[in-house]
């Protein structure tokens, strides 16, 4: 059982909109044993949609499309589907009634006629009503293959996938389970890591695959096991990871964690430590990562972005003399920022960043790409310097933030707080 995803929309191709739907759908399909073998991003034209559907039918058993189901006349997806499946478009009373109730609920009943076209569906389709929008999800089955046509808005796609499509597919097909385990390895070059675990990798059972996912100087080893007995798959993964411990155990910061902020969450809750941030060059990205995890309010007390150096002095108590002598981008300023944050928020841990993300230098003419960050855990403090001259601003902020959290995790593990 293989899936193909098709993202429809010129706004994706132009780069104006990021396709987050494919990642979300692929992850949920993976969890029920359906691998995605191809993802297409295409324009909203009749010929392109039909040709891509034909290709998808040749390589996949389940085809899921997103996008192109708006109320306007320039959306061609339903027409393309009708022509491809030799079907007709009809007004579905159930969908129209759903729309009417939705618009009444939103006090927009006067727009119902304009959106009437969204109640027009394929006559052969099974309809999954969209509780968060006006375009329904349609499912067509032909020649033993399933095609599912979804709207494109992510907050509509996610509940449709989680609450309706995944349960439908699980009920319809007898599926293998897919179970994954992610092992996070730090300060181990990928090539050397691969060489170190080569014999172990070659001896993996046929139903277990391994992939390397490098992020900065961290490598995530993803073990993926496939089979019909979920308990046995979990036992297999546990057994294989145990074999790794004598080989790379000292370099592992998590034996079953995905994102760095999730690994940090487990550590902070276990150790009952609180955290605050003072960010300059990362502009809030560090705080965003920390708070992206549900339950982070139990350990993250607050953060501040003193972008202007005067605010570093005014709010965090950074010495004006330090800035004058060392500039705002220096180890000394990073240290004083983390100390100020620790005092301001009364936390056990504080993190600070200061640097020049470019494309222009700062008023002190510091070199573009220079970063200093300070990690303070109670009476312990560590300052590091990075030089990242080739990264764009967003990548720069994310890389630095990921690295700060990774270093904090290593400190919490090694220093035994």
Protein backbone atom coordinates (compact mmCIF):
# COMPACT_ATOMS: atom_id res chain seq x y z
CA UNK A 1 0.00 0.00 0.00
CA UNK A 2 1.65 3.22 -1.22
CA UNK A 3 0.48 6.83 -1.22
CA UNK A 4 1.07 9.75 -3.57
CA UNK A 5 0.45 13.35 -2.50
CA UNK A 6 -0.45 16.14 -4.93
CA UNK A 7 -0.35 19.77 -3.84
CA UNK A 8 -2.31 22.00 -6.22
CA UNK A 9 -1.79 25.75 -6.39
CA UNK A 10 0.26 28.42 -8.10
CA UNK A 11 0.82 30.10 -4.74
CA UNK A 12 2.93 27.09 -3.65
CA UNK A 13 4.94 27.07 -6.88
CA UNK A 14 5.61 30.80 -6.64
CA UNK A 15 7.12 30.42 -3.19
CA UNK A 16 4.57 32.76 -1.62
CA UNK A 17 3.06 29.92 0.43
CA UNK A 18 4.87 27.05 2.12
CA UNK A 19 3.41 23.56 1.71
CA UNK A 20 3.03 22.30 5.29
CA UNK A 21 0.18 19.94 4.38
CA UNK A 22 2.36 17.29 2.72
CA UNK A 23 4.58 16.91 5.76
CA UNK A 24 1.58 16.61 8.07
CA UNK A 25 -0.24 14.09 5.85
CA UNK A 26 2.88 11.99 5.23
CA UNK A 27 3.55 11.73 8.96
CA UNK A 28 0.02 10.57 9.72
CA UNK A 29 0.00 8.06 6.86
CA UNK A 30 3.33 6.70 8.08
CA UNK A 31 1.84 6.08 11.51
CA UNK A 32 -0.73 3.68 10.03
CA UNK A 33 1.72 1.90 7.77
CA UNK A 34 1.22 3.76 4.50
CA UNK A 35 4.47 5.16 3.08
CA UNK A 36 4.40 8.18 0.77
CA UNK A 37 6.42 7.36 -2.35
CA UNK A 38 5.98 10.61 -4.28
CA UNK A 39 4.91 14.21 -3.67
CA UNK A 40 3.93 16.47 -6.58
CA UNK A 41 3.44 20.23 -6.49
CA UNK A 42 1.54 21.42 -9.55
CA UNK A 43 -0.31 24.39 -11.03
CA UNK A 44 -4.09 24.70 -10.99
CA UNK A 45 -4.67 23.87 -14.68
CA UNK A 46 -6.90 21.16 -16.11
CA UNK A 47 -4.28 19.34 -18.18
CA UNK A 48 -1.65 19.42 -15.44
CA UNK A 49 -4.04 18.06 -12.80
CA UNK A 50 -5.27 15.25 -15.06
CA UNK A 51 -1.78 14.25 -16.20
CA UNK A 52 -0.53 14.21 -12.61
CA UNK A 53 -3.49 12.12 -11.49
CA UNK A 54 -2.66 9.60 -14.25
CA UNK A 55 0.96 9.40 -13.10
CA UNK A 56 -0.10 9.09 -9.46
CA UNK A 57 -2.45 6.20 -10.34
CA UNK A 58 0.46 4.36 -11.95
CA UNK A 59 2.70 4.49 -8.86
CA UNK A 60 0.35 4.69 -5.86
CA UNK A 61 -2.68 3.01 -4.31
CA UNK A 62 -3.88 6.06 -2.38
CA UNK A 63 -3.77 9.50 -3.97
CA UNK A 64 -4.39 12.55 -1.79
CA UNK A 65 -4.69 16.03 -3.26
CA UNK A 66 -4.78 19.34 -1.40
CA UNK A 67 -5.79 22.75 -2.73
CA UNK A 68 -7.84 24.19 -5.56
CA UNK A 69 -11.30 23.88 -3.99
CA UNK A 70 -12.21 27.53 -3.50
CA UNK A 71 -15.53 29.15 -4.42
CA UNK A 72 -14.09 31.14 -7.32
CA UNK A 73 -14.26 30.19 -11.00
CA UNK A 74 -10.47 29.95 -11.37
CA UNK A 75 -10.33 26.76 -9.28
CA UNK A 76 -10.15 23.90 -11.78
CA UNK A 77 -9.63 20.93 -9.48
CA UNK A 78 -13.20 19.61 -9.39
CA UNK A 79 -13.57 19.99 -13.15
CA UNK A 80 -10.31 18.12 -13.71
CA UNK A 81 -11.47 15.35 -11.36
CA UNK A 82 -14.82 15.09 -13.13
CA UNK A 83 -13.13 14.75 -16.52
CA UNK A 84 -10.49 12.32 -15.24
CA UNK A 85 -13.04 10.02 -13.59
CA UNK A 86 -15.61 10.48 -16.38
CA UNK A 87 -18.04 11.80 -13.77
CA UNK A 88 -20.39 14.74 -13.44
CA UNK A 89 -20.60 17.53 -10.90
CA UNK A 90 -23.86 17.79 -8.95
CA UNK A 91 -25.21 19.94 -6.14
CA UNK A 92 -25.09 17.86 -2.97
CA UNK A 93 -28.00 18.73 -0.66
CA UNK A 94 -26.21 17.47 2.43
CA UNK A 95 -23.15 19.61 1.73
CA UNK A 96 -25.28 22.67 0.93
CA UNK A 97 -27.17 22.23 4.21
CA UNK A 98 -23.82 21.93 6.01
CA UNK A 99 -22.71 25.17 4.35
CA UNK A 100 -25.93 26.93 5.33
CA UNK A 101 -25.49 25.98 9.00
CA UNK A 102 -21.82 26.95 8.89
CA UNK A 103 -22.57 30.41 7.46
CA UNK A 104 -25.39 31.02 9.92
CA UNK A 105 -23.04 30.11 12.75
CA UNK A 106 -20.52 32.62 11.43
CA UNK A 107 -23.13 35.32 10.75
CA UNK A 108 -22.29 35.22 7.04
CA UNK A 109 -25.49 33.82 5.57
CA UNK A 110 -25.52 36.59 2.95
CA UNK A 111 -22.45 34.94 1.35
CA UNK A 112 -24.11 31.55 0.95
CA UNK A 113 -25.04 31.97 -2.73
CA UNK A 114 -21.51 33.10 -3.61
CA UNK A 115 -20.16 29.92 -2.01
CA UNK A 116 -22.89 27.68 -3.45
CA UNK A 117 -20.36 26.22 -5.89
CA UNK A 118 -18.54 24.58 -2.98
CA UNK A 119 -21.55 22.30 -2.46
CA UNK A 120 -21.09 21.02 -6.02
CA UNK A 121 -19.34 17.65 -5.84
CA UNK A 122 -18.54 14.59 -7.92
CA UNK A 123 -21.58 12.33 -8.18
CA UNK A 124 -19.47 9.23 -7.43
CA UNK A 125 -17.76 10.72 -4.39
CA UNK A 126 -18.14 9.88 -0.73
CA UNK A 127 -18.26 13.20 1.13
CA UNK A 128 -16.44 14.04 4.36
CA UNK A 129 -17.85 17.32 5.63
CA UNK A 130 -15.35 20.02 6.55
CA UNK A 131 -16.21 21.30 10.03
CA UNK A 132 -13.70 24.14 9.77
CA UNK A 133 -14.36 25.44 6.27
CA UNK A 134 -16.70 25.52 3.33
CA UNK A 135 -15.03 23.08 0.90
CA UNK A 136 -15.85 19.42 1.65
CA UNK A 137 -13.41 16.54 1.29
CA UNK A 138 -14.31 14.09 -1.48
CA UNK A 139 -13.25 10.45 -1.84
CA UNK A 140 -13.46 8.51 -5.11
CA UNK A 141 -12.65 4.81 -5.41
CA UNK A 142 -11.84 3.34 -8.81
CA UNK A 143 -10.03 0.17 -9.91
CA UNK A 144 -9.19 -0.65 -6.30
CA UNK A 145 -7.46 2.68 -5.75
CA UNK A 146 -8.60 5.53 -3.52
CA UNK A 147 -8.37 9.22 -4.39
CA UNK A 148 -9.04 11.81 -1.72
CA UNK A 149 -9.51 15.47 -2.64
CA UNK A 150 -8.93 17.91 0.24
CA UNK A 151 -9.06 21.70 0.55
CA UNK A 152 -5.71 23.47 0.90
CA UNK A 153 -6.02 25.51 4.10
CA UNK A 154 -3.86 23.76 6.74
CA UNK A 155 -6.26 24.33 9.67
CA UNK A 156 -8.94 22.59 7.59
CA UNK A 157 -6.69 19.81 6.32
CA UNK A 158 -5.35 18.72 9.71
CA UNK A 159 -8.66 17.82 11.42
CA UNK A 160 -9.96 16.19 8.23
CA UNK A 161 -6.87 13.98 8.08
CA UNK A 162 -6.76 13.17 11.81
CA UNK A 163 -10.47 12.74 12.51
CA UNK A 164 -11.87 11.43 9.23
CA UNK A 165 -9.38 10.26 6.62
CA UNK A 166 -7.01 8.27 8.83
CA UNK A 167 -9.87 6.40 10.61
CA UNK A 168 -11.45 5.72 7.19
CA UNK A 169 -8.23 4.27 5.76
CA UNK A 170 -7.52 2.19 8.88
CA UNK A 171 -11.01 0.72 8.72
CA UNK A 172 -10.86 0.04 4.98
CA UNK A 173 -7.45 -1.59 4.63
CA UNK A 174 -5.56 -4.23 6.56
CA UNK A 175 -2.37 -2.30 7.21
CA UNK A 176 1.03 -3.07 8.62
CA UNK A 177 2.19 -0.99 11.54
CA UNK A 178 5.14 1.34 11.13
CA UNK A 179 7.01 2.13 14.34
CA UNK A 180 9.93 4.56 14.54
CA UNK A 181 12.57 5.43 17.07
CA UNK A 182 14.80 8.48 16.79
CA UNK A 183 18.22 8.49 18.43
CA UNK A 184 19.85 11.94 18.67
CA UNK A 185 23.64 11.91 18.40
CA UNK A 186 25.78 15.01 18.97
CA UNK A 187 29.38 16.01 18.19
CA UNK A 188 29.86 13.01 15.91
CA UNK A 189 30.51 13.75 12.20
CA UNK A 190 28.01 11.90 10.04
CA UNK A 191 30.65 10.06 7.99
CA UNK A 192 32.48 8.89 11.13
CA UNK A 193 29.20 7.92 12.75
CA UNK A 194 28.24 5.83 9.71
CA UNK A 195 31.62 4.10 9.81
CA UNK A 196 31.35 3.43 13.56
CA UNK A 197 27.94 1.74 13.31
CA UNK A 198 28.41 0.13 9.88
CA UNK A 199 28.50 -3.49 11.10
CA UNK A 200 25.45 -2.89 13.30
CA UNK A 201 23.57 -1.28 10.41
CA UNK A 202 24.36 -4.13 8.01
CA UNK A 203 23.05 -6.64 10.56
CA UNK A 204 19.66 -4.95 11.00
CA UNK A 205 16.62 -7.20 10.38
CA UNK A 206 15.04 -6.87 6.92
CA UNK A 207 11.96 -5.14 8.33
CA UNK A 208 14.02 -2.34 9.95
CA UNK A 209 15.49 0.54 7.98
CA UNK A 210 17.86 3.31 9.10
CA UNK A 211 18.09 6.91 7.91
CA UNK A 212 20.49 9.71 8.85
CA UNK A 213 19.00 13.17 9.45
CA UNK A 214 21.74 15.75 10.12
CA UNK A 215 20.81 19.03 11.86
CA UNK A 216 23.83 21.23 12.50
CA UNK A 217 26.29 19.14 14.52
CA UNK A 218 23.51 16.80 15.63
CA UNK A 219 22.52 13.68 13.70
CA UNK A 220 19.14 12.03 14.19
CA UNK A 221 19.22 8.29 13.53
CA UNK A 222 15.71 7.21 12.56
CA UNK A 223 15.03 3.50 12.98
CA UNK A 224 11.83 2.43 11.21
CA UNK A 225 10.30 -1.01 11.71
CA UNK A 226 7.41 -2.44 9.68
CA UNK A 227 5.20 -5.39 10.59
CA UNK A 228 1.79 -6.55 11.75
CA UNK A 229 2.62 -6.95 15.45
CA UNK A 230 3.11 -3.54 17.07
CA UNK A 231 4.40 -4.95 20.36
CA UNK A 232 7.02 -7.01 18.54
CA UNK A 233 8.12 -3.97 16.52
CA UNK A 234 8.69 -1.97 19.69
CA UNK A 235 10.68 -4.84 21.19
CA UNK A 236 12.81 -5.05 18.04
CA UNK A 237 13.62 -1.36 18.11
CA UNK A 238 14.51 -1.53 21.78
CA UNK A 239 16.83 -4.48 21.18
CA UNK A 240 18.59 -2.78 18.28
CA UNK A 241 19.05 0.49 20.15
CA UNK A 242 20.58 -1.42 23.08
CA UNK A 243 23.22 -2.75 20.70
CA UNK A 244 24.17 0.82 19.86
CA UNK A 245 24.90 1.89 23.42
CA UNK A 246 28.46 0.53 23.65
CA UNK A 247 29.23 2.02 20.21
CA UNK A 248 27.92 5.58 20.51
CA UNK A 249 26.28 5.83 23.94
CA UNK A 250 28.45 8.72 25.14
CA UNK A 251 27.38 10.84 22.16
CA UNK A 252 23.62 10.28 22.52
CA UNK A 253 21.45 12.96 24.12
CA UNK A 254 18.16 11.12 23.56
CA UNK A 255 17.28 7.53 22.74
CA UNK A 256 13.73 8.26 21.67
CA UNK A 257 13.22 11.96 21.02
CA UNK A 258 12.41 13.78 17.83
CA UNK A 259 12.74 17.54 18.06
CA UNK A 260 15.36 19.18 20.26
CA UNK A 261 12.72 21.12 22.20
CA UNK A 262 10.89 17.88 23.05
CA UNK A 263 14.09 16.35 24.39
CA UNK A 264 14.64 19.47 26.49
CA UNK A 265 11.11 19.32 27.85
CA UNK A 266 11.65 15.82 29.26
CA UNK A 267 14.87 16.87 30.95
CA UNK A 268 13.51 20.07 32.49
CA UNK A 269 10.40 18.36 33.85
CA UNK A 270 12.46 15.46 35.20
CA UNK A 271 14.93 17.81 36.93
CA UNK A 272 12.25 20.35 37.95
CA UNK A 273 14.15 23.29 36.45
CA UNK A 274 12.77 26.56 35.09
CA UNK A 275 14.01 28.48 32.08
CA UNK A 276 14.12 32.02 30.66
CA UNK A 277 15.66 33.65 27.58
CA UNK A 278 17.25 36.92 26.51
CA UNK A 279 17.60 37.04 22.73
CA UNK A 280 19.13 39.55 20.41
CA UNK A 281 20.28 38.07 17.09
CA UNK A 282 17.82 35.14 17.22
CA UNK A 283 14.90 37.55 17.48
CA UNK A 284 12.57 35.25 19.42
CA UNK A 285 13.29 32.02 17.51
CA UNK A 286 14.81 30.43 20.60
CA UNK A 287 11.67 31.21 22.60
CA UNK A 288 9.46 30.02 19.74
CA UNK A 289 11.17 26.63 19.72
CA UNK A 290 10.88 26.24 23.48
CA UNK A 291 7.19 27.22 23.60
CA UNK A 292 6.23 25.15 20.53
CA UNK A 293 5.95 22.15 22.87
CA UNK A 294 2.70 21.56 24.71
CA UNK A 295 3.22 21.91 28.45
CA UNK A 296 6.20 24.28 28.15
CA UNK A 297 4.47 26.74 30.50
CA UNK A 298 5.40 24.43 33.38
CA UNK A 299 9.11 25.28 32.99
CA UNK A 300 9.43 28.31 30.68
CA UNK A 301 8.73 31.48 32.64
CA UNK A 302 9.44 34.16 30.05
CA UNK A 303 11.74 35.75 27.53
CA UNK A 304 12.87 39.15 26.34
CA UNK A 305 14.22 40.44 23.01
CA UNK A 306 16.43 43.47 23.83
CA UNK A 307 17.41 44.03 20.21
CA UNK A 308 18.73 47.53 20.77
CA UNK A 309 21.79 47.57 22.98
CA UNK A 310 20.30 50.35 25.13
CA UNK A 311 17.57 47.89 26.16
CA UNK A 312 20.23 45.39 27.16
CA UNK A 313 21.49 48.02 29.57
CA UNK A 314 18.08 49.28 30.69
CA UNK A 315 16.25 45.99 31.20
CA UNK A 316 18.92 43.34 31.75
CA UNK A 317 21.47 45.44 33.57
CA UNK A 318 24.25 44.89 31.04
CA UNK A 319 27.12 47.25 31.81
CA UNK A 320 27.43 50.24 29.49
CA UNK A 321 31.19 49.99 30.00
CA UNK A 322 31.18 46.37 28.82
CA UNK A 323 29.37 47.31 25.62
CA UNK A 324 31.67 50.29 25.08
CA UNK A 325 34.82 48.23 25.53
CA UNK A 326 33.73 44.84 24.10
CA UNK A 327 30.81 45.88 21.79
CA UNK A 328 27.30 44.45 22.01
CA UNK A 329 28.42 41.27 20.22
CA UNK A 330 30.83 39.73 22.68
CA UNK A 331 31.18 36.91 25.18
CA UNK A 332 31.03 39.40 28.04
CA UNK A 333 27.71 40.91 26.91
CA UNK A 334 26.21 37.46 26.35
CA UNK A 335 27.21 36.53 29.89
CA UNK A 336 25.72 39.66 31.40
CA UNK A 337 22.53 39.15 29.39
CA UNK A 338 22.03 35.62 30.73
CA UNK A 339 22.71 36.82 34.27
CA UNK A 340 20.20 39.63 33.84
CA UNK A 341 17.60 37.21 32.51
CA UNK A 342 18.18 34.83 35.42
CA UNK A 343 17.54 37.67 37.87
CA UNK A 344 14.65 39.21 35.92
CA UNK A 345 12.61 36.00 35.66
CA UNK A 346 13.94 34.22 38.79
CA UNK A 347 14.66 31.01 36.88
CA UNK A 348 17.12 28.16 37.37
CA UNK A 349 18.37 28.46 33.78
CA UNK A 350 18.79 31.36 31.39
CA UNK A 351 19.89 31.48 27.77
CA UNK A 352 21.16 34.52 25.88
CA UNK A 353 22.19 35.25 22.29
CA UNK A 354 23.90 38.23 20.71
CA UNK A 355 25.30 38.45 17.20
CA UNK A 356 25.16 39.85 13.68
CA UNK A 357 22.81 37.95 11.35
CA UNK A 358 23.37 40.20 8.32
CA UNK A 359 23.18 41.07 5.55
CA UNK A 360 24.63 44.27 7.04
CA UNK A 361 26.99 44.67 9.97
CA UNK A 362 25.98 46.32 13.23
CA UNK A 363 26.94 49.78 14.47
CA UNK A 364 30.07 48.33 16.05
CA UNK A 365 31.21 46.84 12.70
CA UNK A 366 31.28 43.31 14.03
CA UNK A 367 31.77 40.62 11.39
CA UNK A 368 28.56 39.31 9.84
CA UNK A 369 27.76 35.81 11.08
CA UNK A 370 29.39 36.25 14.50
CA UNK A 371 27.38 34.90 17.43
CA UNK A 372 27.99 34.60 21.14
CA UNK A 373 25.60 32.74 23.40
CA UNK A 374 25.59 32.14 27.12
CA UNK A 375 24.01 29.23 28.98
CA UNK A 376 23.58 29.76 32.68
CA UNK A 377 22.34 26.98 34.99
CA UNK A 378 22.27 28.21 38.58
CA UNK A 379 25.94 28.95 39.39
CA UNK A 380 27.27 27.26 36.24
CA UNK A 381 27.90 29.32 33.09
CA UNK A 382 29.19 28.47 29.64
CA UNK A 383 29.73 30.84 26.72
CA UNK A 384 30.25 29.74 23.12
CA UNK A 385 31.04 31.51 19.87
CA UNK A 386 29.75 30.58 16.41
CA UNK A 387 30.64 32.01 13.02
CA UNK A 388 27.92 31.53 10.37
CA UNK A 389 28.58 34.05 7.60
CA UNK A 390 26.80 32.18 4.83
CA UNK A 391 23.38 31.64 6.43
CA UNK A 392 20.36 33.81 5.61
CA UNK A 393 18.64 35.52 8.54
CA UNK A 394 15.91 32.95 9.18
CA UNK A 395 18.29 29.99 8.82
CA UNK A 396 20.81 31.80 11.00
CA UNK A 397 18.28 32.30 13.83
CA UNK A 398 17.08 28.71 13.63
CA UNK A 399 20.58 27.20 13.53
CA UNK A 400 21.76 29.23 16.51
CA UNK A 401 18.61 28.44 18.51
CA UNK A 402 18.88 24.72 17.78
CA UNK A 403 22.54 24.78 18.82
CA UNK A 404 21.84 26.63 22.08
CA UNK A 405 19.18 24.11 23.10
CA UNK A 406 21.41 21.21 22.14
CA UNK A 407 24.28 22.57 24.24
CA UNK A 408 21.92 23.12 27.17
CA UNK A 409 20.79 19.50 26.97
CA UNK A 410 24.41 18.29 26.93
CA UNK A 411 25.17 20.43 29.98
CA UNK A 412 22.15 19.13 31.89
CA UNK A 413 23.18 15.55 31.15
CA UNK A 414 26.92 15.88 31.74
CA UNK A 415 26.91 18.19 34.75
CA UNK A 416 24.25 16.13 36.57
CA UNK A 417 22.05 19.04 37.67
